[in-house]
C-alpha atoms as a PDB file:
ATOM      1  CA  MET A   1      72.153 110.461 121.843  1.00  0.00           C
ATOM      2  CA  ALA A   2      73.227 106.913 122.087  1.00  0.00           C
ATOM      3  CA  SER A   3      76.541 106.184 120.755  1.00  0.00           C
ATOM      4  CA  ARG A   4      77.138 104.016 117.744  1.00  0.00           C
ATOM      5  CA  VAL A   5      80.003 101.951 116.515  1.00  0.00           C
ATOM      6  CA  ALA A   6      81.162 102.144 112.944  1.00  0.00           C
ATOM      7  CA  ALA A   7      81.096  99.297 110.661  1.00  0.00           C
ATOM      8  CA  PRO A   8      84.556  97.227 110.291  1.00  0.00           C
ATOM      9  CA  LEU A   9      87.019  98.869 108.050  1.00  0.00           C
ATOM     10  CA  ARG A  10      87.991  96.605 104.969  1.00  0.00           C
ATOM     11  CA  VAL A  11      91.671  97.168 104.484  1.00  0.00           C
ATOM     12  CA  GLY A  12      93.363  95.647 101.371  1.00  0.00           C
ATOM     13  CA  ILE A  13      96.834  95.191 100.084  1.00  0.00           C
ATOM     14  CA  ASN A  14      98.006  95.867  96.539  1.00  0.00           C
ATOM     15  CA  ILE A  15      99.715  92.495  95.357  1.00  0.00           C
ATOM     16  CA  ASP A  16     102.785  94.425  93.936  1.00  0.00           C
ATOM     17  CA  GLY A  17     103.597  95.316  97.636  1.00  0.00           C
ATOM     18  CA  VAL A  18     103.929  91.617  98.745  1.00  0.00           C
ATOM     19  CA  LEU A  19     107.607  91.360  98.705  1.00  0.00           C
ATOM     20  CA  LEU A  20     110.158  91.701 101.163  1.00  0.00           C
ATOM     21  CA  HIS A  21     111.931  94.689  99.492  1.00  0.00           C
ATOM     22  CA  ASP A  22     113.240  95.670  95.904  1.00  0.00           C
ATOM     23  CA  GLY A  23     116.408  94.235  94.642  1.00  0.00           C
ATOM     24  CA  ILE A  24     115.508  90.600  95.577  1.00  0.00           C
ATOM     25  CA  ARG A  25     113.475  88.314  93.390  1.00  0.00           C
ATOM     26  CA  THR A  26     109.732  88.819  93.678  1.00  0.00           C
ATOM     27  CA  PRO A  27     107.850  86.053  94.874  1.00  0.00           C
ATOM     28  CA  GLN A  28     105.730  83.820  92.855  1.00  0.00           C
ATOM     29  CA  PRO A  29     101.923  84.628  92.671  1.00  0.00           C
ATOM     30  CA  ALA A  30     100.940  81.749  94.768  1.00  0.00           C
ATOM     31  CA  THR A  31     103.496  82.580  97.545  1.00  0.00           C
ATOM     32  CA  ARG A  32     102.537  86.078  97.672  1.00  0.00           C
ATOM     33  CA  TYR A  33      98.754  85.187  97.995  1.00  0.00           C
ATOM     34  CA  ALA A  34      99.905  82.826 100.779  1.00  0.00           C
ATOM     35  CA  TRP A  35     101.455  85.529 102.519  1.00  0.00           C
ATOM     36  CA  VAL A  36      98.573  87.618 102.400  1.00  0.00           C
ATOM     37  CA  ARG A  37      96.125  85.159 103.380  1.00  0.00           C
ATOM     38  CA  HIS A  38      98.265  83.833 106.467  1.00  0.00           C
ATOM     39  CA  SER A  39      99.089  87.450 107.793  1.00  0.00           C
ATOM     40  CA  GLY A  40      95.232  87.936 108.625  1.00  0.00           C
ATOM     41  CA  ALA A  41      96.004  91.625 108.005  1.00  0.00           C
ATOM     42  CA  PHE A  42      94.092  92.146 104.986  1.00  0.00           C
ATOM     43  CA  ASP A  43      90.499  91.439 103.766  1.00  0.00           C
ATOM     44  CA  TYR A  44      91.102  91.617 100.055  1.00  0.00           C
ATOM     45  CA  VAL A  45      93.937  91.767  97.445  1.00  0.00           C
ATOM     46  CA  GLU A  46      94.116  95.043  94.780  1.00  0.00           C
ATOM     47  CA  LYS A  47      95.371  93.646  91.367  1.00  0.00           C
ATOM     48  CA  ASN A  48      96.316  95.501  88.273  1.00  0.00           C
ATOM     49  CA  ILE A  49      96.409  93.684  84.764  1.00  0.00           C
ATOM     50  CA  ASP A  50      99.692  92.758  83.515  1.00  0.00           C
ATOM     51  CA  PRO A  51      99.085  92.552  79.584  1.00  0.00           C
ATOM     52  CA  SER A  52     101.691  89.770  79.204  1.00  0.00           C
ATOM     53  CA  GLU A  53     100.346  87.723  82.043  1.00  0.00           C
ATOM     54  CA  ASP A  54      98.301  84.317  81.969  1.00  0.00           C
ATOM     55  CA  PHE A  55      95.511  85.471  84.506  1.00  0.00           C
ATOM     56  CA  THR A  56      94.014  81.818  84.724  1.00  0.00           C
ATOM     57  CA  PRO A  57      95.875  80.889  87.975  1.00  0.00           C
ATOM     58  CA  TRP A  58      94.392  83.844  89.889  1.00  0.00           C
ATOM     59  CA  PHE A  59      91.139  82.304  89.811  1.00  0.00           C
ATOM     60  CA  ASP A  60      92.417  79.096  91.583  1.00  0.00           C
ATOM     61  CA  LEU A  61      94.456  81.397  94.094  1.00  0.00           C
ATOM     62  CA  VAL A  62      91.021  83.376  95.108  1.00  0.00           C
ATOM     63  CA  GLU A  63      89.157  79.934  95.395  1.00  0.00           C
ATOM     64  CA  ARG A  64      92.020  78.068  97.397  1.00  0.00           C
ATOM     65  CA  HIS A  65      92.651  80.986  99.973  1.00  0.00           C
ATOM     66  CA  GLY A  66      89.338  82.289 100.259  1.00  0.00           C
ATOM     67  CA  LEU A  67      90.429  85.871  99.981  1.00  0.00           C
ATOM     68  CA  PRO A  68      89.119  87.971  97.123  1.00  0.00           C
ATOM     69  CA  ILE A  69      90.517  90.124  94.576  1.00  0.00           C
ATOM     70  CA  GLY A  70      88.339  92.859  95.567  1.00  0.00           C
ATOM     71  CA  VAL A  71      89.631  95.602  93.227  1.00  0.00           C
ATOM     72  CA  PHE A  72      91.047  94.927  89.768  1.00  0.00           C
ATOM     73  CA  GLY A  73      92.411  97.458  87.412  1.00  0.00           C
ATOM     74  CA  GLY A  74      95.004  98.913  85.172  1.00  0.00           C
ATOM     75  CA  ILE A  75      96.892 101.707  83.416  1.00  0.00           C
ATOM     76  CA  PHE A  76      95.215 102.752  80.010  1.00  0.00           C
ATOM     77  CA  CYS A  77      95.916 104.914  77.022  1.00  0.00           C
ATOM     78  CA  ALA A  78      92.702 106.194  75.454  1.00  0.00           C
ATOM     79  CA  GLY A  79      92.699 105.291  71.640  1.00  0.00           C
ATOM     80  CA  ARG A  80      94.754 102.173  72.292  1.00  0.00           C
ATOM     81  CA  ASP A  81      93.174 100.082  75.417  1.00  0.00           C
ATOM     82  CA  GLU A  82      89.610 100.086  75.272  1.00  0.00           C
ATOM     83  CA  ALA A  83      89.680  96.379  74.298  1.00  0.00           C
ATOM     84  CA  ARG A  84      91.734  95.581  77.334  1.00  0.00           C
ATOM     85  CA  MET A  85      89.741  97.903  79.468  1.00  0.00           C
ATOM     86  CA  ARG A  86      86.482  95.775  78.674  1.00  0.00           C
ATOM     87  CA  TRP A  87      88.320  92.611  79.307  1.00  0.00           C
ATOM     88  CA  GLY A  88      89.377  93.803  82.565  1.00  0.00           C
ATOM     89  CA  LEU A  89      85.865  94.852  83.235  1.00  0.00           C
ATOM     90  CA  ALA A  90      84.547  91.276  82.484  1.00  0.00           C
ATOM     91  CA  THR A  91      87.286  89.677  84.208  1.00  0.00           C
ATOM     92  CA  GLY A  92      86.718  91.763  87.218  1.00  0.00           C
ATOM     93  CA  GLY A  93      83.119  90.744  87.306  1.00  0.00           C
ATOM     94  CA  ARG A  94      83.993  87.106  87.076  1.00  0.00           C
ATOM     95  CA  LEU A  95      86.404  87.326  89.980  1.00  0.00           C
ATOM     96  CA  GLY A  96      83.683  89.449  92.079  1.00  0.00           C
ATOM     97  CA  ALA A  97      85.445  92.467  92.310  1.00  0.00           C
ATOM     98  CA  ARG A  98      83.236  95.321  92.697  1.00  0.00           C
ATOM     99  CA  LEU A  99      85.818  97.973  91.769  1.00  0.00           C
ATOM    100  CA  PHE A 100      88.052  98.633  88.455  1.00  0.00           C
ATOM    101  CA  ASN A 101      90.668 101.097  89.371  1.00  0.00           C
ATOM    102  CA  MET A 102      91.757 102.893  86.233  1.00  0.00           C
ATOM    103  CA  GLN A 103      94.777 105.285  85.626  1.00  0.00           C
ATOM    104  CA  LEU A 104      94.389 107.088  82.475  1.00  0.00           C
ATOM    105  CA  PHE A 105      97.537 108.571  80.718  1.00  0.00           C
ATOM    106  CA  ALA A 106      97.659 112.326  80.137  1.00  0.00           C
ATOM    107  CA  ARG A 107      98.037 111.697  76.419  1.00  0.00           C
ATOM    108  CA  HIS A 108      95.749 110.133  74.073  1.00  0.00           C
ATOM    109  CA  PHE A 109      97.220 107.426  71.618  1.00  0.00           C
ATOM    110  CA  GLY A 110      97.435 109.882  68.809  1.00  0.00           C
ATOM    111  CA  GLY A 111     100.310 111.868  70.799  1.00  0.00           C
ATOM    112  CA  ARG A 112      97.808 114.716  71.774  1.00  0.00           C
ATOM    113  CA  PRO A 113      97.158 115.649  75.284  1.00  0.00           C
ATOM    114  CA  ILE A 114      93.858 113.878  76.258  1.00  0.00           C
ATOM    115  CA  THR A 115      90.964 116.246  76.318  1.00  0.00           C
ATOM    116  CA  ASP A 116      88.234 116.267  79.188  1.00  0.00           C
ATOM    117  CA  ALA A 117      85.884 115.093  76.431  1.00  0.00           C
ATOM    118  CA  GLN A 118      88.119 111.897  75.572  1.00  0.00           C
ATOM    119  CA  VAL A 119      88.075 111.214  79.440  1.00  0.00           C
ATOM    120  CA  VAL A 120      84.362 111.339  79.558  1.00  0.00           C
ATOM    121  CA  ASP A 121      84.149 108.916  76.800  1.00  0.00           C
ATOM    122  CA  PHE A 122      86.546 106.656  78.124  1.00  0.00           C
ATOM    123  CA  TYR A 123      84.880 106.627  81.686  1.00  0.00           C
ATOM    124  CA  CYS A 124      81.544 106.303  80.371  1.00  0.00           C
ATOM    125  CA  GLU A 125      82.427 103.356  78.174  1.00  0.00           C
ATOM    126  CA  ALA A 126      84.004 101.731  81.248  1.00  0.00           C
ATOM    127  CA  LEU A 127      80.760 102.369  83.200  1.00  0.00           C
ATOM    128  CA  ASP A 128      78.420 100.660  80.159  1.00  0.00           C
ATOM    129  CA  HIS A 129      80.661  97.539  80.648  1.00  0.00           C
ATOM    130  CA  GLY A 130      81.252  97.355  84.260  1.00  0.00           C
ATOM    131  CA  GLY A 131      77.672  97.978  85.169  1.00  0.00           C
ATOM    132  CA  PRO A 132      76.071  94.709  83.974  1.00  0.00           C
ATOM    133  CA  VAL A 133      78.909  92.723  85.398  1.00  0.00           C
ATOM    134  CA  GLY A 134      78.906  94.620  88.794  1.00  0.00           C
ATOM    135  CA  CYS A 135      82.408  95.895  88.528  1.00  0.00           C
ATOM    136  CA  LEU A 136      82.180  99.868  88.337  1.00  0.00           C
ATOM    137  CA  PRO A 137      85.197 101.787  87.230  1.00  0.00           C
ATOM    138  CA  THR A 138      86.821 104.520  89.072  1.00  0.00           C
ATOM    139  CA  LEU A 139      89.580 107.173  87.837  1.00  0.00           C
ATOM    140  CA  GLU A 140      92.679 107.139  90.064  1.00  0.00           C
ATOM    141  CA  VAL A 141      94.235 110.625  90.646  1.00  0.00           C
ATOM    142  CA  HIS A 142      97.758 109.662  89.919  1.00  0.00           C
ATOM    143  CA  VAL A 143     100.913 111.234  88.504  1.00  0.00           C
ATOM    144  CA  ASP A 144     101.471 111.067  84.700  1.00  0.00           C
ATOM    145  CA  MET A 145      97.720 110.680  84.277  1.00  0.00           C
ATOM    146  CA  TRP A 146      95.226 113.228  83.059  1.00  0.00           C
ATOM    147  CA  ASN A 147      94.333 114.317  86.665  1.00  0.00           C
ATOM    148  CA  GLU A 148      97.668 115.140  87.659  1.00  0.00           C
ATOM    149  CA  ASP A 149      96.447 118.408  86.825  1.00  0.00           C
ATOM    150  CA  PHE A 150      94.130 118.256  89.903  1.00  0.00           C
ATOM    151  CA  ARG A 151      91.818 120.972  88.976  1.00  0.00           C
ATOM    152  CA  ARG A 152      90.701 119.075  85.784  1.00  0.00           C
ATOM    153  CA  VAL A 153      88.900 116.729  88.201  1.00  0.00           C
ATOM    154  CA  GLU A 154      86.342 119.508  88.758  1.00  0.00           C
ATOM    155  CA  ARG A 155      85.823 120.024  84.821  1.00  0.00           C
ATOM    156  CA  VAL A 156      85.498 116.489  84.147  1.00  0.00           C
ATOM    157  CA  ALA A 157      82.802 116.092  86.976  1.00  0.00           C
ATOM    158  CA  ASP A 158      80.775 118.882  85.716  1.00  0.00           C
ATOM    159  CA  LEU A 159      80.801 117.195  82.225  1.00  0.00           C
ATOM    160  CA  LEU A 160      79.601 113.897  83.478  1.00  0.00           C
ATOM    161  CA  ALA A 161      76.786 115.661  85.654  1.00  0.00           C
ATOM    162  CA  ARG A 162      75.316 117.031  82.489  1.00  0.00           C
ATOM    163  CA  GLN A 163      74.997 113.673  81.493  1.00  0.00           C
ATOM    164  CA  ASN A 164      73.559 112.775  84.864  1.00  0.00           C
ATOM    165  CA  VAL A 165      76.721 110.329  85.186  1.00  0.00           C
ATOM    166  CA  PRO A 166      78.429 110.376  88.541  1.00  0.00           C
ATOM    167  CA  LEU A 167      82.092 110.676  88.734  1.00  0.00           C
ATOM    168  CA  ARG A 168      84.029 108.027  90.537  1.00  0.00           C
ATOM    169  CA  LEU A 169      87.467 108.703  92.021  1.00  0.00           C
ATOM    170  CA  THR A 170      90.270 106.660  93.693  1.00  0.00           C
ATOM    171  CA  LEU A 171      92.026 108.884  96.360  1.00  0.00           C
ATOM    172  CA  ASP A 172      95.605 108.701  96.907  1.00  0.00           C
ATOM    173  CA  HIS A 173      96.715 111.423  99.127  1.00  0.00           C
ATOM    174  CA  SER A 174     100.398 110.552  98.345  1.00  0.00           C
ATOM    175  CA  HIS A 175     100.130 112.134  94.805  1.00  0.00           C
ATOM    176  CA  LEU A 176      99.399 115.223  96.172  1.00  0.00           C
ATOM    177  CA  ILE A 177     100.868 115.963  99.628  1.00  0.00           C
ATOM    178  CA  PHE A 178     104.319 114.911  98.242  1.00  0.00           C
ATOM    179  CA  LYS A 179     104.366 117.909  95.877  1.00  0.00           C
ATOM    180  CA  ILE A 180     103.755 120.509  98.776  1.00  0.00           C
ATOM    181  CA  GLY A 181     107.055 122.475  98.842  1.00  0.00           C
ATOM    182  CA  HIS A 182     108.318 121.076  95.529  1.00  0.00           C
ATOM    183  CA  ALA A 183     108.342 123.633  92.807  1.00  0.00           C
ATOM    184  CA  ALA A 184     108.808 121.485  89.799  1.00  0.00           C
ATOM    185  CA  GLU A 185     106.102 118.901  91.153  1.00  0.00           C
ATOM    186  CA  LEU A 186     103.646 121.981  91.671  1.00  0.00           C
ATOM    187  CA  ALA A 187     104.401 123.064  88.244  1.00  0.00           C
ATOM    188  CA  ALA A 188     103.685 119.773  86.743  1.00  0.00           C
ATOM    189  CA  SER A 189     100.244 120.100  88.007  1.00  0.00           C
ATOM    190  CA  GLY A 190      99.694 123.442  87.059  1.00  0.00           C
ATOM    191  CA  LEU A 191      99.889 124.946  90.449  1.00  0.00           C
ATOM    192  CA  ALA A 192     103.133 126.955  90.149  1.00  0.00           C
ATOM    193  CA  ASP A 193     101.259 130.396  90.079  1.00  0.00           C
ATOM    194  CA  GLN A 194      99.787 129.682  93.558  1.00  0.00           C
ATOM    195  CA  PRO A 195     100.910 132.323  95.962  1.00  0.00           C
ATOM    196  CA  ASP A 196     101.075 130.042  99.115  1.00  0.00           C
ATOM    197  CA  GLY A 197     102.890 127.397  97.329  1.00  0.00           C
ATOM    198  CA  ALA A 198      99.478 125.411  96.782  1.00  0.00           C
ATOM    199  CA  ARG A 199      99.261 124.644 100.575  1.00  0.00           C
ATOM    200  CA  ALA A 200      95.536 125.964 100.561  1.00  0.00           C
ATOM    201  CA  LEU A 201      94.876 123.238  97.789  1.00  0.00           C
ATOM    202  CA  LEU A 202      97.259 120.256  99.273  1.00  0.00           C
ATOM    203  CA  SER A 203      97.451 120.743 102.905  1.00  0.00           C
ATOM    204  CA  PRO A 204      95.200 118.440 105.105  1.00  0.00           C
ATOM    205  CA  ASP A 205      94.766 121.387 107.607  1.00  0.00           C
ATOM    206  CA  SER A 206      93.021 123.717 104.686  1.00  0.00           C
ATOM    207  CA  ASP A 207      89.148 123.637 104.234  1.00  0.00           C
ATOM    208  CA  GLN A 208      89.938 124.449 100.535  1.00  0.00           C
ATOM    209  CA  ALA A 209      91.980 121.077 100.103  1.00  0.00           C
ATOM    210  CA  LEU A 210      91.097 119.504  96.839  1.00  0.00           C
ATOM    211  CA  TYR A 211      90.576 116.045  98.289  1.00  0.00           C
ATOM    212  CA  ALA A 212      88.545 117.508 101.009  1.00  0.00           C
ATOM    213  CA  MET A 213      86.326 118.838  98.342  1.00  0.00           C
ATOM    214  CA  TRP A 214      86.212 115.757  96.409  1.00  0.00           C
ATOM    215  CA  LEU A 215      84.740 113.881  99.367  1.00  0.00           C
ATOM    216  CA  ARG A 216      82.181 116.356 100.057  1.00  0.00           C
ATOM    217  CA  GLU A 217      80.855 116.145  96.380  1.00  0.00           C
ATOM    218  CA  GLY A 218      80.830 112.331  96.933  1.00  0.00           C
ATOM    219  CA  TRP A 219      83.088 111.552  94.200  1.00  0.00           C
ATOM    220  CA  VAL A 220      85.662 109.304  96.275  1.00  0.00           C
ATOM    221  CA  ALA A 221      84.619 105.475  95.612  1.00  0.00           C
ATOM    222  CA  HIS A 222      87.894 103.880  96.655  1.00  0.00           C
ATOM    223  CA  ALA A 223      91.278 104.949  98.443  1.00  0.00           C
ATOM    224  CA  HIS A 224      94.882 104.051  98.821  1.00  0.00           C
ATOM    225  CA  ALA A 225      97.172 104.438 101.601  1.00  0.00           C
ATOM    226  CA  ARG A 226     100.853 104.996 101.056  1.00  0.00           C
ATOM    227  CA  SER A 227     102.835 107.336 103.403  1.00  0.00           C
ATOM    228  CA  VAL A 228     104.620 110.275 101.819  1.00  0.00           C
ATOM    229  CA  ALA A 229     106.591 113.360 103.050  1.00  0.00           C
ATOM    230  CA  PRO A 230     106.182 116.770 101.523  1.00  0.00           C
ATOM    231  CA  GLY A 231     108.929 118.199  99.684  1.00  0.00           C
ATOM    232  CA  ILE A 232     111.287 115.119  99.398  1.00  0.00           C
ATOM    233  CA  ALA A 233     113.170 116.185  96.176  1.00  0.00           C
ATOM    234  CA  HIS A 234     113.322 112.565  94.333  1.00  0.00           C
ATOM    235  CA  ASN A 235     113.955 108.922  94.675  1.00  0.00           C
ATOM    236  CA  ALA A 236     117.642 108.969  94.441  1.00  0.00           C
ATOM    237  CA  ALA A 237     117.948 105.258  94.547  1.00  0.00           C
ATOM    238  CA  MET A 238     116.119 104.465  91.252  1.00  0.00           C
ATOM    239  CA  ASN A 239     115.941 106.396  87.936  1.00  0.00           C
ATOM    240  CA  ARG A 240     112.486 106.513  86.413  1.00  0.00           C
ATOM    241  CA  GLN A 241     114.223 106.871  82.916  1.00  0.00           C
ATOM    242  CA  ARG A 242     117.766 107.677  81.928  1.00  0.00           C
ATOM    243  CA  ASP A 243     119.225 110.273  84.075  1.00  0.00           C
ATOM    244  CA  LEU A 244     115.831 111.211  85.578  1.00  0.00           C
ATOM    245  CA  PRO A 245     115.431 109.950  89.092  1.00  0.00           C
ATOM    246  CA  GLY A 246     112.002 108.738  90.327  1.00  0.00           C
ATOM    247  CA  ARG A 247     109.752 110.570  92.077  1.00  0.00           C
ATOM    248  CA  ALA A 248     109.355 110.699  95.727  1.00  0.00           C
ATOM    249  CA  ILE A 249     105.682 109.202  96.406  1.00  0.00           C
ATOM    250  CA  GLN A 250     106.708 106.717  99.056  1.00  0.00           C
ATOM    251  CA  TYR A 251     108.440 107.688 102.409  1.00  0.00           C
ATOM    252  CA  PRO A 252     108.557 104.887 104.552  1.00  0.00           C
ATOM    253  CA  PHE A 253     105.846 104.481 107.443  1.00  0.00           C
ATOM    254  CA  VAL A 254     108.233 102.689 109.782  1.00  0.00           C
ATOM    255  CA  GLN A 255     111.756 103.820 110.370  1.00  0.00           C
ATOM    256  CA  PRO A 256     113.950 101.917 107.958  1.00  0.00           C
ATOM    257  CA  PRO A 257     117.010 100.046 108.911  1.00  0.00           C
ATOM    258  CA  PRO A 258     120.092 102.128 108.372  1.00  0.00           C
ATOM    259  CA  GLY A 259     121.523 102.507 104.820  1.00  0.00           C
ATOM    260  CA  THR A 260     118.115 100.971 103.367  1.00  0.00           C
ATOM    261  CA  PHE A 261     116.358 104.551 102.381  1.00  0.00           C
ATOM    262  CA  HIS A 262     118.045 107.139 100.392  1.00  0.00           C
ATOM    263  CA  ALA A 263     117.148 110.030 102.284  1.00  0.00           C
ATOM    264  CA  ASP A 264     117.017 110.873 106.179  1.00  0.00           C
ATOM    265  CA  TRP A 265     113.783 109.523 107.733  1.00  0.00           C
ATOM    266  CA  ARG A 266     111.858 111.566 110.570  1.00  0.00           C
ATOM    267  CA  GLU A 267     108.722 110.400 111.897  1.00  0.00           C
ATOM    268  CA  GLU A 268     107.305 113.768 112.108  1.00  0.00           C
ATOM    269  CA  ALA A 269     107.486 114.361 108.541  1.00  0.00           C
ATOM    270  CA  LEU A 270     104.609 111.730 108.065  1.00  0.00           C
ATOM    271  CA  GLN A 271     102.221 113.927 109.981  1.00  0.00           C
ATOM    272  CA  PRO A 272     100.746 115.972 107.074  1.00  0.00           C
ATOM    273  CA  TRP A 273     100.036 112.425 105.151  1.00  0.00           C
ATOM    274  CA  LYS A 274      98.576 110.775 108.230  1.00  0.00           C
ATOM    275  CA  ASP A 275      96.463 113.892 109.147  1.00  0.00           C
ATOM    276  CA  ALA A 276      94.880 113.764 105.726  1.00  0.00           C
ATOM    277  CA  VAL A 277      94.016 110.036 106.214  1.00  0.00           C
ATOM    278  CA  ILE A 278      92.853 110.329 109.402  1.00  0.00           C
ATOM    279  CA  ALA A 279      90.174 113.060 108.072  1.00  0.00           C
ATOM    280  CA  LEU A 280      89.520 110.621 105.106  1.00  0.00           C
ATOM    281  CA  LEU A 281      88.695 107.729 107.939  1.00  0.00           C
ATOM    282  CA  ASP A 282      86.630 110.156 109.863  1.00  0.00           C
ATOM    283  CA  TRP A 283      84.681 111.328 106.732  1.00  0.00           C
ATOM    284  CA  MET A 284      84.171 107.398 105.563  1.00  0.00           C
ATOM    285  CA  ARG A 285      82.866 106.897 109.222  1.00  0.00           C
ATOM    286  CA  ASP A 286      80.337 109.887 109.221  1.00  0.00           C
ATOM    287  CA  HIS A 287      79.070 109.357 105.593  1.00  0.00           C
ATOM    288  CA  PRO A 288      78.861 105.538 105.113  1.00  0.00           C
ATOM    289  CA  ASP A 289      76.333 105.892 102.279  1.00  0.00           C
ATOM    290  CA  ARG A 290      78.630 108.681 100.682  1.00  0.00           C
ATOM    291  CA  ALA A 291      82.040 107.316 101.000  1.00  0.00           C
ATOM    292  CA  PRO A 292      84.171 104.411 100.456  1.00  0.00           C
ATOM    293  CA  GLN A 293      84.251 101.642 103.583  1.00  0.00           C
ATOM    294  CA  GLN A 294      87.520 100.362 102.415  1.00  0.00           C
ATOM    295  CA  ILE A 295      91.179 101.529 101.731  1.00  0.00           C
ATOM    296  CA  SER A 296      94.039  99.643 100.212  1.00  0.00           C
ATOM    297  CA  CYS A 297      97.713  99.609 101.339  1.00  0.00           C
ATOM    298  CA  GLU A 298      99.965 100.176  98.702  1.00  0.00           C
ATOM    299  CA  PHE A 299     103.578 100.551  99.418  1.00  0.00           C
ATOM    300  CA  ILE A 300     105.199  99.006  96.429  1.00  0.00           C
ATOM    301  CA  PRO A 301     108.550  99.134  94.376  1.00  0.00           C
ATOM    302  CA  PHE A 302     109.098 100.903  90.918  1.00  0.00           C
ATOM    303  CA  ALA A 303     111.124 103.906  90.546  1.00  0.00           C
ATOM    304  CA  ASP A 304     108.535 106.680  91.723  1.00  0.00           C
ATOM    305  CA  TYR A 305     107.906 104.540  95.044  1.00  0.00           C
ATOM    306  CA  GLY A 306     110.313 102.120  96.940  1.00  0.00           C
ATOM    307  CA  GLY A 307     112.399 101.334  93.895  1.00  0.00           C
ATOM    308  CA  GLY A 308     116.161 100.830  94.728  1.00  0.00           C
ATOM    309  CA  GLY A 309     115.562 100.823  98.210  1.00  0.00           C
ATOM    310  CA  ARG A 310     116.206  97.952 100.671  1.00  0.00           C
ATOM    311  CA  TYR A 311     113.770  98.610 103.525  1.00  0.00           C
ATOM    312  CA  PRO A 312     110.991  95.960 104.055  1.00  0.00           C
ATOM    313  CA  ILE A 313     107.885  97.126 101.873  1.00  0.00           C
ATOM    314  CA  TRP A 314     106.076  94.270 103.199  1.00  0.00           C
ATOM    315  CA  ASP A 315     106.555  95.226 106.824  1.00  0.00           C
ATOM    316  CA  ASN A 316     105.522  98.762 105.902  1.00  0.00           C
ATOM    317  CA  ASN A 317     102.217  97.473 104.316  1.00  0.00           C
ATOM    318  CA  LEU A 318     101.420  95.358 107.685  1.00  0.00           C
ATOM    319  CA  ALA A 319     102.319  98.232 109.825  1.00  0.00           C
ATOM    320  CA  CYS A 320      99.938 100.577 108.006  1.00  0.00           C
ATOM    321  CA  ALA A 321      97.052  98.243 107.902  1.00  0.00           C
ATOM    322  CA  ALA A 322      97.610  97.910 111.597  1.00  0.00           C
ATOM    323  CA  TRP A 323      97.552 101.944 111.931  1.00  0.00           C
ATOM    324  CA  LEU A 324      94.470 102.203 109.935  1.00  0.00           C
ATOM    325  CA  ARG A 325      92.512  99.889 111.823  1.00  0.00           C
ATOM    326  CA  ARG A 326      93.528 101.128 115.150  1.00  0.00           C
ATOM    327  CA  VAL A 327      92.585 104.581 114.229  1.00  0.00           C
ATOM    328  CA  TRP A 328      89.385 103.398 112.609  1.00  0.00           C
ATOM    329  CA  ALA A 329      88.675 101.687 116.202  1.00  0.00           C
ATOM    330  CA  GLN A 330      89.632 104.768 118.268  1.00  0.00           C
ATOM    331  CA  ARG A 331      87.514 107.208 116.283  1.00  0.00           C
ATOM    332  CA  GLY A 332      84.798 104.727 115.654  1.00  0.00           C
ATOM    333  CA  LEU A 333      82.652 105.584 118.467  1.00  0.00           C
ATOM    334  CA  THR A 334      80.672 108.763 118.188  1.00  0.00           C
ATOM    335  CA  ASP A 335      77.884 110.451 120.080  1.00  0.00           C
END
């Protein structure tokens, strides 16, 4: 059989990661956008809604630099943020964004844990408003959100299937793999009872890995790339709230300069995350009609990620983008 060449991989960057490192003033939006455009490393920008922000200048930046905001999105609380969600979808449509990435909190605005049915209602409302403007929602699997209990994903998918509605997820392996070997994090995902420490559900070398199943089901519509290492206790460099250190959902992709990262760095610790992303890229290549053909680099500051560190976040995004394209090119020829 003749060989074929996979289509080019679209690689984006979360605009929050366009800074030298945490601890210095964040560049202005125009400067950040110029960095991205002039780097030549990225095909699009991913941006979250800042409710306090005047969004008008972003339209000019898109036009001036010829670089789209390909993914728009935000963090939402059901029962409170439906109007903001609808505004975001309409704005994303005006920008030409095809995807609207949603993080949906684990609790409803009323204070109770959000139910599977309430997740379905919020998502279906987003589909109703996003469809007509060509900006379709995805639900990101993410800590502190309804799907940090990872096994709820399948339950919600089943409820949607009864309405003939497809589930659309954003997959970020970092939010799963960092939990391997970490008892408290496994408990937060309802996996403390797993006899193997949930490795069968979280490790990339397992056919039972949850994210592998999500790919097979065709639920993954978008993806993020941010490296992690299993079992890192916490981000000792910054608290997420008083007396509570940040979670360790970012482990530098490239060796950090001495004294800039709160833990020892070993390149081999990256391998489980790399293996998972390589498997994702292979699936994307082999199933172009069922899997996303883009991925956003998302090395960012903030307490659960690179907050308090002094290693170069921008450089990590650039290095990760180059690695993604290299892997895609190396594995792009198939018989």
